Amino acid sequence: MRLALIAVGRMRGDPAAAMFERYRKRLRAPLALTEIEVAAGPARARREGERLLAAVPAGAVVAVLDEGGEMLSSEGFARRLARWRESGRRDCAFLVGGADGHGEEVMSKADFRLSLGPMTWPHLLVRVLLAEQLYRAEAILAGHPYHRGGGRPAFRSGAN
């Protein structure tokens, strides 16, 4: 399955860009990044949404990142991707909106709304988190040891 991340805003040398590239290069499935220019003024979300949708490959699953979306475990995310792939879908596009979120048109075209949790994340870090979870999903589906589930913490800290 080909993957696309279509996002409002540009990384322009931000340190998050290197982190994003780290996971993008690890993926076996190609992950295309399309950056949409930030719109100004009133109806900004609508104009950004038009640009986001115009960049979606024909026939792709459209998954929008939205704070009101469904929160999945890493395993659940992997299963969702596998179902889309097994259903014959060749492309999956993940849409990240601008500061005002997604407009009504984008939300109406979404096949799935995904939340990365109740916290607010900087848009550039959302790209990194999504790329890492895509890589983790591949590892889960391949039975690779990168993903070590079972409720254990991913890191340990001396502080509680």
C-alpha atoms as a PDB file:
ATOM      1  CA  MET A   1       0.000   0.000   0.000  1.00  0.00           C
ATOM      2  CA  ARG A   2       1.315   3.435  -0.906  1.00  0.00           C
ATOM      3  CA  LEU A   3       1.087   6.010   1.840  1.00  0.00           C
ATOM      4  CA  ALA A   4       0.743   9.764   1.574  1.00  0.00           C
ATOM      5  CA  LEU A   5       1.029  12.408   4.249  1.00  0.00           C
ATOM      6  CA  ILE A   6      -0.584  15.625   3.072  1.00  0.00           C
ATOM      7  CA  ALA A   7      -0.078  18.424   5.555  1.00  0.00           C
ATOM      8  CA  VAL A   8      -0.615  22.156   5.866  1.00  0.00           C
ATOM      9  CA  GLY A   9       2.646  24.013   6.501  1.00  0.00           C
ATOM     10  CA  ARG A  10       6.280  23.477   5.637  1.00  0.00           C
ATOM     11  CA  MET A  11       9.079  21.934   7.694  1.00  0.00           C
ATOM     12  CA  ARG A  12      11.825  24.185   6.236  1.00  0.00           C
ATOM     13  CA  GLY A  13      14.782  22.710   8.066  1.00  0.00           C
ATOM     14  CA  ASP A  14      12.942  22.263  11.360  1.00  0.00           C
ATOM     15  CA  PRO A  15      14.634  19.622  13.581  1.00  0.00           C
ATOM     16  CA  ALA A  16      11.423  17.586  13.309  1.00  0.00           C
ATOM     17  CA  ALA A  17      12.185  17.119   9.594  1.00  0.00           C
ATOM     18  CA  ALA A  18      15.194  14.909  10.395  1.00  0.00           C
ATOM     19  CA  MET A  19      13.096  12.812  12.785  1.00  0.00           C
ATOM     20  CA  PHE A  20      10.366  12.457  10.150  1.00  0.00           C
ATOM     21  CA  GLU A  21      12.917  11.380   7.524  1.00  0.00           C
ATOM     22  CA  ARG A  22      14.380   8.827   9.925  1.00  0.00           C
ATOM     23  CA  TYR A  23      11.090   6.910  10.045  1.00  0.00           C
ATOM     24  CA  ARG A  24      10.135   7.579   6.439  1.00  0.00           C
ATOM     25  CA  LYS A  25      13.371   5.930   5.257  1.00  0.00           C
ATOM     26  CA  ARG A  26      12.729   2.872   7.443  1.00  0.00           C
ATOM     27  CA  LEU A  27       9.312   2.228   5.929  1.00  0.00           C
ATOM     28  CA  ARG A  28       9.048  -0.454   3.268  1.00  0.00           C
ATOM     29  CA  ALA A  29       5.911   1.150   1.890  1.00  0.00           C
ATOM     30  CA  PRO A  30       6.619   4.459   0.168  1.00  0.00           C
ATOM     31  CA  LEU A  31       5.454   7.506   2.140  1.00  0.00           C
ATOM     32  CA  ALA A  32       4.996  10.592  -0.018  1.00  0.00           C
ATOM     33  CA  LEU A  33       4.961  13.970   1.735  1.00  0.00           C
ATOM     34  CA  THR A  34       2.990  16.827   0.225  1.00  0.00           C
ATOM     35  CA  GLU A  35       3.121  20.164   2.001  1.00  0.00           C
ATOM     36  CA  ILE A  36       0.247  22.602   1.479  1.00  0.00           C
ATOM     37  CA  GLU A  37       0.764  26.318   1.877  1.00  0.00           C
ATOM     38  CA  VAL A  38      -0.877  27.911   4.898  1.00  0.00           C
ATOM     39  CA  ALA A  39      -3.868  30.032   3.871  1.00  0.00           C
ATOM     40  CA  ALA A  40      -4.476  33.476   5.343  1.00  0.00           C
ATOM     41  CA  GLY A  41      -7.612  35.332   6.327  1.00  0.00           C
ATOM     42  CA  PRO A  42     -11.202  34.225   6.758  1.00  0.00           C
ATOM     43  CA  ALA A  43     -12.330  30.794   5.524  1.00  0.00           C
ATOM     44  CA  ARG A  44      -8.753  29.618   5.936  1.00  0.00           C
ATOM     45  CA  ALA A  45      -9.678  26.024   6.855  1.00  0.00           C
ATOM     46  CA  ARG A  46     -11.906  25.784   3.763  1.00  0.00           C
ATOM     47  CA  ARG A  47      -9.140  26.936   1.396  1.00  0.00           C
ATOM     48  CA  GLU A  48      -6.562  24.689   3.034  1.00  0.00           C
ATOM     49  CA  GLY A  49      -9.051  21.813   2.831  1.00  0.00           C
ATOM     50  CA  GLU A  50      -9.539  22.316  -0.898  1.00  0.00           C
ATOM     51  CA  ARG A  51      -5.758  22.094  -1.375  1.00  0.00           C
ATOM     52  CA  LEU A  52      -5.472  19.025   0.865  1.00  0.00           C
ATOM     53  CA  LEU A  53      -8.216  17.166  -1.011  1.00  0.00           C
ATOM     54  CA  ALA A  54      -6.764  18.113  -4.400  1.00  0.00           C
ATOM     55  CA  ALA A  55      -3.542  16.315  -3.397  1.00  0.00           C
ATOM     56  CA  VAL A  56      -5.236  13.035  -2.390  1.00  0.00           C
ATOM     57  CA  PRO A  57      -4.529  10.199  -4.851  1.00  0.00           C
ATOM     58  CA  ALA A  58      -7.637   8.960  -6.681  1.00  0.00           C
ATOM     59  CA  GLY A  59      -9.339   6.121  -4.814  1.00  0.00           C
ATOM     60  CA  ALA A  60      -7.220   6.528  -1.675  1.00  0.00           C
ATOM     61  CA  VAL A  61      -8.459   5.864   1.823  1.00  0.00           C
ATOM     62  CA  VAL A  62      -8.697   9.335   3.390  1.00  0.00           C
ATOM     63  CA  ALA A  63      -7.687   9.404   7.046  1.00  0.00           C
ATOM     64  CA  VAL A  64      -7.820  12.806   8.705  1.00  0.00           C
ATOM     65  CA  LEU A  65      -5.935  13.611  11.875  1.00  0.00           C
ATOM     66  CA  ASP A  66      -8.523  15.130  14.184  1.00  0.00           C
ATOM     67  CA  GLU A  67      -8.687  15.613  17.929  1.00  0.00           C
ATOM     68  CA  GLY A  68     -12.238  14.205  17.911  1.00  0.00           C
ATOM     69  CA  GLY A  69     -11.197  11.109  15.968  1.00  0.00           C
ATOM     70  CA  GLU A  70     -10.764   7.560  17.131  1.00  0.00           C
ATOM     71  CA  MET A  71      -7.807   6.796  19.391  1.00  0.00           C
ATOM     72  CA  LEU A  72      -6.173   3.485  18.515  1.00  0.00           C
ATOM     73  CA  SER A  73      -3.453   1.442  20.124  1.00  0.00           C
ATOM     74  CA  SER A  74      -0.444   0.731  17.924  1.00  0.00           C
ATOM     75  CA  GLU A  75      -1.796  -2.777  17.363  1.00  0.00           C
ATOM     76  CA  GLY A  76      -5.227  -1.392  16.469  1.00  0.00           C
ATOM     77  CA  PHE A  77      -3.652   1.046  14.017  1.00  0.00           C
ATOM     78  CA  ALA A  78      -1.714  -1.809  12.403  1.00  0.00           C
ATOM     79  CA  ARG A  79      -4.905  -3.874  12.081  1.00  0.00           C
ATOM     80  CA  ARG A  80      -6.717  -0.911  10.502  1.00  0.00           C
ATOM     81  CA  LEU A  81      -3.958  -0.461   7.907  1.00  0.00           C
ATOM     82  CA  ALA A  82      -3.986  -4.197   7.189  1.00  0.00           C
ATOM     83  CA  ARG A  83      -7.772  -4.155   6.630  1.00  0.00           C
ATOM     84  CA  TRP A  84      -7.468  -1.266   4.175  1.00  0.00           C
ATOM     85  CA  ARG A  85      -4.672  -3.045   2.325  1.00  0.00           C
ATOM     86  CA  GLU A  86      -6.521  -6.373   2.282  1.00  0.00           C
ATOM     87  CA  SER A  87      -9.662  -4.669   0.970  1.00  0.00           C
ATOM     88  CA  GLY A  88      -7.739  -3.840  -2.201  1.00  0.00           C
ATOM     89  CA  ARG A  89      -7.079  -0.157  -1.517  1.00  0.00           C
ATOM     90  CA  ARG A  90      -3.767   0.807  -3.139  1.00  0.00           C
ATOM     91  CA  ASP A  91      -3.336   4.194  -1.461  1.00  0.00           C
ATOM     92  CA  CYS A  92      -3.927   5.720   1.943  1.00  0.00           C
ATOM     93  CA  ALA A  93      -3.684   9.481   2.500  1.00  0.00           C
ATOM     94  CA  PHE A  94      -3.303  10.983   5.966  1.00  0.00           C
ATOM     95  CA  LEU A  95      -4.389  14.635   6.121  1.00  0.00           C
ATOM     96  CA  VAL A  96      -3.021  17.069   8.703  1.00  0.00           C
ATOM     97  CA  GLY A  97      -4.844  20.399   8.773  1.00  0.00           C
ATOM     98  CA  GLY A  98      -3.634  23.829   9.701  1.00  0.00           C
ATOM     99  CA  ALA A  99      -4.074  25.822  12.898  1.00  0.00           C
ATOM    100  CA  ASP A 100      -7.864  25.941  12.447  1.00  0.00           C
ATOM    101  CA  GLY A 101      -8.162  22.208  11.849  1.00  0.00           C
ATOM    102  CA  HIS A 102     -10.134  20.674   9.006  1.00  0.00           C
ATOM    103  CA  GLY A 103     -13.100  22.297   7.296  1.00  0.00           C
ATOM    104  CA  GLU A 104     -16.440  20.608   6.702  1.00  0.00           C
ATOM    105  CA  GLU A 105     -15.570  19.449   3.182  1.00  0.00           C
ATOM    106  CA  VAL A 106     -12.488  17.542   4.362  1.00  0.00           C
ATOM    107  CA  MET A 107     -14.411  15.967   7.221  1.00  0.00           C
ATOM    108  CA  SER A 108     -17.194  14.872   4.861  1.00  0.00           C
ATOM    109  CA  LYS A 109     -14.658  13.133   2.565  1.00  0.00           C
ATOM    110  CA  ALA A 110     -12.883  11.319   5.402  1.00  0.00           C
ATOM    111  CA  ASP A 111     -13.072   7.533   5.510  1.00  0.00           C
ATOM    112  CA  PHE A 112     -11.555   7.607   8.970  1.00  0.00           C
ATOM    113  CA  ARG A 113     -10.805  10.185  11.669  1.00  0.00           C
ATOM    114  CA  LEU A 114      -7.681   9.434  13.710  1.00  0.00           C
ATOM    115  CA  SER A 115      -6.739  11.085  16.994  1.00  0.00           C
ATOM    116  CA  LEU A 116      -3.222  10.902  18.426  1.00  0.00           C
ATOM    117  CA  GLY A 117      -4.710  11.520  21.865  1.00  0.00           C
ATOM    118  CA  PRO A 118      -6.334  14.318  23.803  1.00  0.00           C
ATOM    119  CA  MET A 119      -3.189  16.451  23.989  1.00  0.00           C
ATOM    120  CA  THR A 120      -2.515  19.166  21.437  1.00  0.00           C
ATOM    121  CA  TRP A 121       0.623  18.459  19.382  1.00  0.00           C
ATOM    122  CA  PRO A 122       2.633  20.832  17.198  1.00  0.00           C
ATOM    123  CA  HIS A 123       1.802  20.078  13.565  1.00  0.00           C
ATOM    124  CA  LEU A 124       5.405  19.225  12.725  1.00  0.00           C
ATOM    125  CA  LEU A 125       5.582  16.684  15.544  1.00  0.00           C
ATOM    126  CA  VAL A 126       2.327  15.122  14.343  1.00  0.00           C
ATOM    127  CA  ARG A 127       4.167  14.202  11.149  1.00  0.00           C
ATOM    128  CA  VAL A 128       6.920  12.509  13.162  1.00  0.00           C
ATOM    129  CA  LEU A 129       4.436  10.662  15.383  1.00  0.00           C
ATOM    130  CA  LEU A 130       2.470   9.445  12.374  1.00  0.00           C
ATOM    131  CA  ALA A 131       5.589   8.301  10.481  1.00  0.00           C
ATOM    132  CA  GLU A 132       6.794   6.406  13.565  1.00  0.00           C
ATOM    133  CA  GLN A 133       3.413   4.736  14.020  1.00  0.00           C
ATOM    134  CA  LEU A 134       3.354   3.737  10.349  1.00  0.00           C
ATOM    135  CA  TYR A 135       6.773   2.148  10.796  1.00  0.00           C
ATOM    136  CA  ARG A 136       5.636   0.494  14.025  1.00  0.00           C
ATOM    137  CA  ALA A 137       2.526  -0.846  12.254  1.00  0.00           C
ATOM    138  CA  GLU A 138       4.743  -2.422   9.589  1.00  0.00           C
ATOM    139  CA  ALA A 139       6.859  -3.999  12.336  1.00  0.00           C
ATOM    140  CA  ILE A 140       3.767  -5.353  14.118  1.00  0.00           C
ATOM    141  CA  LEU A 141       2.338  -6.831  10.938  1.00  0.00           C
ATOM    142  CA  ALA A 142       5.711  -8.413  10.047  1.00  0.00           C
ATOM    143  CA  GLY A 143       6.254  -9.782  13.571  1.00  0.00           C
ATOM    144  CA  HIS A 144       9.436  -7.705  13.852  1.00  0.00           C
ATOM    145  CA  PRO A 145      10.777  -7.100  17.395  1.00  0.00           C
ATOM    146  CA  TYR A 146      10.786  -3.273  16.985  1.00  0.00           C
ATOM    147  CA  HIS A 147       7.368  -3.240  18.617  1.00  0.00           C
ATOM    148  CA  ARG A 148       7.451  -4.619  22.123  1.00  0.00           C
ATOM    149  CA  GLY A 149       3.859  -4.496  23.312  1.00  0.00           C
ATOM    150  CA  GLY A 150       2.330  -6.038  26.373  1.00  0.00           C
ATOM    151  CA  GLY A 151       1.912  -2.846  28.342  1.00  0.00           C
ATOM    152  CA  ARG A 152       5.599  -2.332  29.124  1.00  0.00           C
ATOM    153  CA  PRO A 153       6.815   1.251  29.052  1.00  0.00           C
ATOM    154  CA  ALA A 154       8.821   2.258  25.990  1.00  0.00           C
ATOM    155  CA  PHE A 155      11.399   3.926  28.222  1.00  0.00           C
ATOM    156  CA  ARG A 156      12.290   3.995  31.871  1.00  0.00           C
ATOM    157  CA  SER A 157      12.915   7.023  33.974  1.00  0.00           C
ATOM    158  CA  GLY A 158      14.299   7.328  37.472  1.00  0.00           C
ATOM    159  CA  ALA A 159      11.604   9.906  38.280  1.00  0.00           C
ATOM    160  CA  ASN A 160       7.980   9.015  39.006  1.00  0.00           C
END
